Amino acid sequence: MVVCLASCALAQTGTPSKLQGKMKLNAGIVTEKLEETKAFYTSVLGFGVSFENEFYLLLHTPNGEDEISFLLPNHPSQQALFHKPFQQQGLYLTIEVDEVDQIYHELKKKGVEIEIDIRDEAWGDRHFAIQDPNGIGIDLVTHTKQ
């Protein structure tokens, strides 16, 4: 399972850069809803807990390759830059899966509300979308051959 923010495609410019070394992205979302978020990602999507304490939650995809974190707003251990809570708009996650139809049917059986029904796109994706407790849209995608 691959988790991407916006688009997973990275542009290759061919120009050497000091930033081309190993890099790993861990998206972080500031939210009051740590317990609801943990329950959603672990029970609905099968994520595991990498680390948690009273103000921080780090989750990993079922295969352990990718992580996402959640942080309580206004926590005194954090700098002001990380105090403001997410405002439930302008963010989505894409999760690439091998068998989107299987995941779709499993989530429907669990009673998870489907925000965008399963569909094929002209550019080669088969996908559907759900929403997490923070209002983040989650697009579950299998890339199909065109």
Protein backbone atom coordinates (compact mmCIF):
# COMPACT_ATOMS: atom_id res chain seq x y z
CA MET A 1 0.00 0.00 0.00
CA VAL A 2 1.46 3.35 -1.00
CA VAL A 3 0.25 6.56 0.59
CA CYS A 4 0.67 9.76 -1.43
CA LEU A 5 -0.20 13.36 -0.85
CA ALA A 6 -1.81 14.82 -3.97
CA SER A 7 0.19 13.18 -6.76
CA CYS A 8 2.71 10.37 -6.42
CA ALA A 9 4.46 11.28 -9.66
CA LEU A 10 7.73 13.10 -9.18
CA ALA A 11 9.11 15.20 -12.01
CA GLN A 12 12.61 14.26 -13.10
CA THR A 13 14.49 17.27 -14.35
CA GLY A 14 17.75 15.50 -15.09
CA THR A 15 19.59 18.23 -13.20
CA PRO A 16 21.68 16.92 -10.29
CA SER A 17 20.53 18.14 -6.91
CA LYS A 18 21.82 17.82 -3.38
CA LEU A 19 18.24 16.84 -2.47
CA GLN A 20 18.30 13.64 -4.53
CA GLY A 21 19.53 11.50 -1.63
CA LYS A 22 17.19 9.31 0.38
CA MET A 23 14.03 11.10 1.42
CA LYS A 24 10.95 9.75 3.18
CA LEU A 25 7.69 11.68 3.51
CA ASN A 26 5.60 11.47 6.66
CA ALA A 27 2.54 13.68 6.37
CA GLY A 28 1.39 15.14 9.68
CA ILE A 29 -2.06 16.44 10.53
CA VAL A 30 -2.86 18.55 13.58
CA THR A 31 -6.17 17.44 15.10
CA GLU A 32 -8.11 17.15 18.35
CA LYS A 33 -9.44 13.76 17.21
CA LEU A 34 -6.55 11.42 18.03
CA GLU A 35 -8.70 8.57 19.39
CA GLU A 36 -11.25 8.70 16.56
CA THR A 37 -8.42 8.90 14.03
CA LYS A 38 -6.60 5.92 15.55
CA ALA A 39 -9.80 3.85 15.54
CA PHE A 40 -10.58 4.75 11.93
CA TYR A 41 -7.17 4.08 10.42
CA THR A 42 -6.58 0.85 12.39
CA SER A 43 -10.05 -0.71 12.10
CA VAL A 44 -11.13 0.57 8.68
CA LEU A 45 -7.83 0.61 6.76
CA GLY A 46 -5.75 -1.89 8.77
CA PHE A 47 -2.99 0.56 9.68
CA GLY A 48 -0.75 -0.23 12.64
CA VAL A 49 0.45 2.00 15.45
CA SER A 50 4.17 2.80 15.20
CA PHE A 51 4.17 5.14 18.20
CA GLU A 52 1.74 7.06 20.34
CA ASN A 53 1.66 9.19 23.44
CA GLU A 54 -0.86 11.65 24.88
CA PHE A 55 -0.34 14.24 22.11
CA TYR A 56 1.07 12.35 19.10
CA LEU A 57 0.02 9.36 17.00
CA LEU A 58 2.21 7.75 14.33
CA LEU A 59 0.51 5.15 12.14
CA HIS A 60 1.90 2.91 9.40
CA THR A 61 0.30 1.23 6.40
CA PRO A 62 -0.37 -2.52 6.72
CA ASN A 63 2.90 -3.33 4.91
CA GLY A 64 4.82 -0.88 7.12
CA GLU A 65 6.24 1.07 4.18
CA ASP A 66 4.52 4.41 4.74
CA GLU A 67 3.52 6.46 7.76
CA ILE A 68 1.19 9.28 8.68
CA SER A 69 1.14 11.21 11.94
CA PHE A 70 -1.42 13.14 13.94
CA LEU A 71 -0.69 15.77 16.56
CA LEU A 72 -2.85 17.55 19.12
CA PRO A 73 -3.08 21.30 18.48
CA ASN A 74 -1.56 23.83 20.84
CA HIS A 75 0.57 21.28 22.67
CA PRO A 76 3.22 22.98 24.83
CA SER A 77 5.93 20.58 23.64
CA GLN A 78 5.54 21.83 20.06
CA GLN A 79 6.57 25.07 18.41
CA ALA A 80 3.85 27.54 17.33
CA LEU A 81 4.21 26.43 13.69
CA PHE A 82 2.60 23.12 14.69
CA HIS A 83 -0.19 24.51 16.91
CA LYS A 84 -2.97 25.34 14.47
CA PRO A 85 -5.49 22.53 13.85
CA PHE A 86 -6.42 21.24 10.42
CA GLN A 87 -9.55 23.07 9.15
CA GLN A 88 -11.21 20.13 7.33
CA GLN A 89 -10.54 21.37 3.81
CA GLY A 90 -7.87 21.44 1.16
CA LEU A 91 -6.19 18.10 1.88
CA TYR A 92 -6.61 14.59 0.55
CA LEU A 93 -4.65 11.36 0.73
CA THR A 94 -4.23 8.84 -2.05
CA ILE A 95 -3.69 5.23 -1.08
CA GLU A 96 -2.57 2.96 -3.90
CA VAL A 97 -3.76 -0.63 -3.47
CA ASP A 98 -3.41 -3.81 -5.51
CA GLU A 99 -7.11 -4.71 -5.53
CA VAL A 100 -9.32 -1.65 -5.20
CA ASP A 101 -12.51 -3.64 -5.84
CA GLN A 102 -11.75 -5.98 -2.95
CA ILE A 103 -11.09 -3.05 -0.58
CA TYR A 104 -14.26 -1.33 -1.80
CA HIS A 105 -16.41 -4.39 -1.00
CA GLU A 106 -14.72 -4.92 2.37
CA LEU A 107 -15.35 -1.32 3.43
CA LYS A 108 -18.96 -1.44 2.24
CA LYS A 109 -19.48 -4.60 4.37
CA LYS A 110 -18.03 -2.72 7.36
CA GLY A 111 -20.57 0.05 6.79
CA VAL A 112 -17.99 2.68 5.88
CA GLU A 113 -19.62 5.57 4.05
CA ILE A 114 -18.39 5.80 0.47
CA GLU A 115 -18.04 9.44 -0.57
CA ILE A 116 -17.23 8.74 -4.25
CA ASP A 117 -18.43 5.44 -5.64
CA ILE A 118 -16.01 3.12 -7.41
CA ARG A 119 -15.26 4.16 -10.97
CA ASP A 120 -12.80 4.01 -13.83
CA GLU A 121 -11.09 7.16 -15.04
CA ALA A 122 -9.88 7.92 -18.57
CA TRP A 123 -6.30 8.33 -17.32
CA GLY A 124 -6.16 4.74 -16.08
CA ASP A 125 -7.19 4.80 -12.43
CA ARG A 126 -9.91 2.72 -10.83
CA HIS A 127 -10.79 4.27 -7.51
CA PHE A 128 -13.27 5.29 -4.86
CA ALA A 129 -13.10 7.70 -1.92
CA ILE A 130 -13.96 7.75 1.76
CA GLN A 131 -13.45 10.37 4.47
CA ASP A 132 -11.61 10.10 7.77
CA PRO A 133 -12.89 11.58 11.08
CA ASN A 134 -10.95 14.79 10.40
CA GLY A 135 -12.72 15.44 7.10
CA ILE A 136 -9.75 14.30 5.01
CA GLY A 137 -10.73 12.70 1.72
CA ILE A 138 -9.03 9.36 1.12
CA ASP A 139 -8.83 8.21 -2.48
CA LEU A 140 -8.21 4.46 -2.75
CA VAL A 141 -6.73 3.70 -6.18
CA THR A 142 -5.55 0.88 -8.39
CA HIS A 143 -3.71 1.96 -11.51
CA THR A 144 -5.11 0.01 -14.45
CA LYS A 145 -3.68 -0.51 -17.89
CA GLN A 146 -5.08 1.84 -20.51
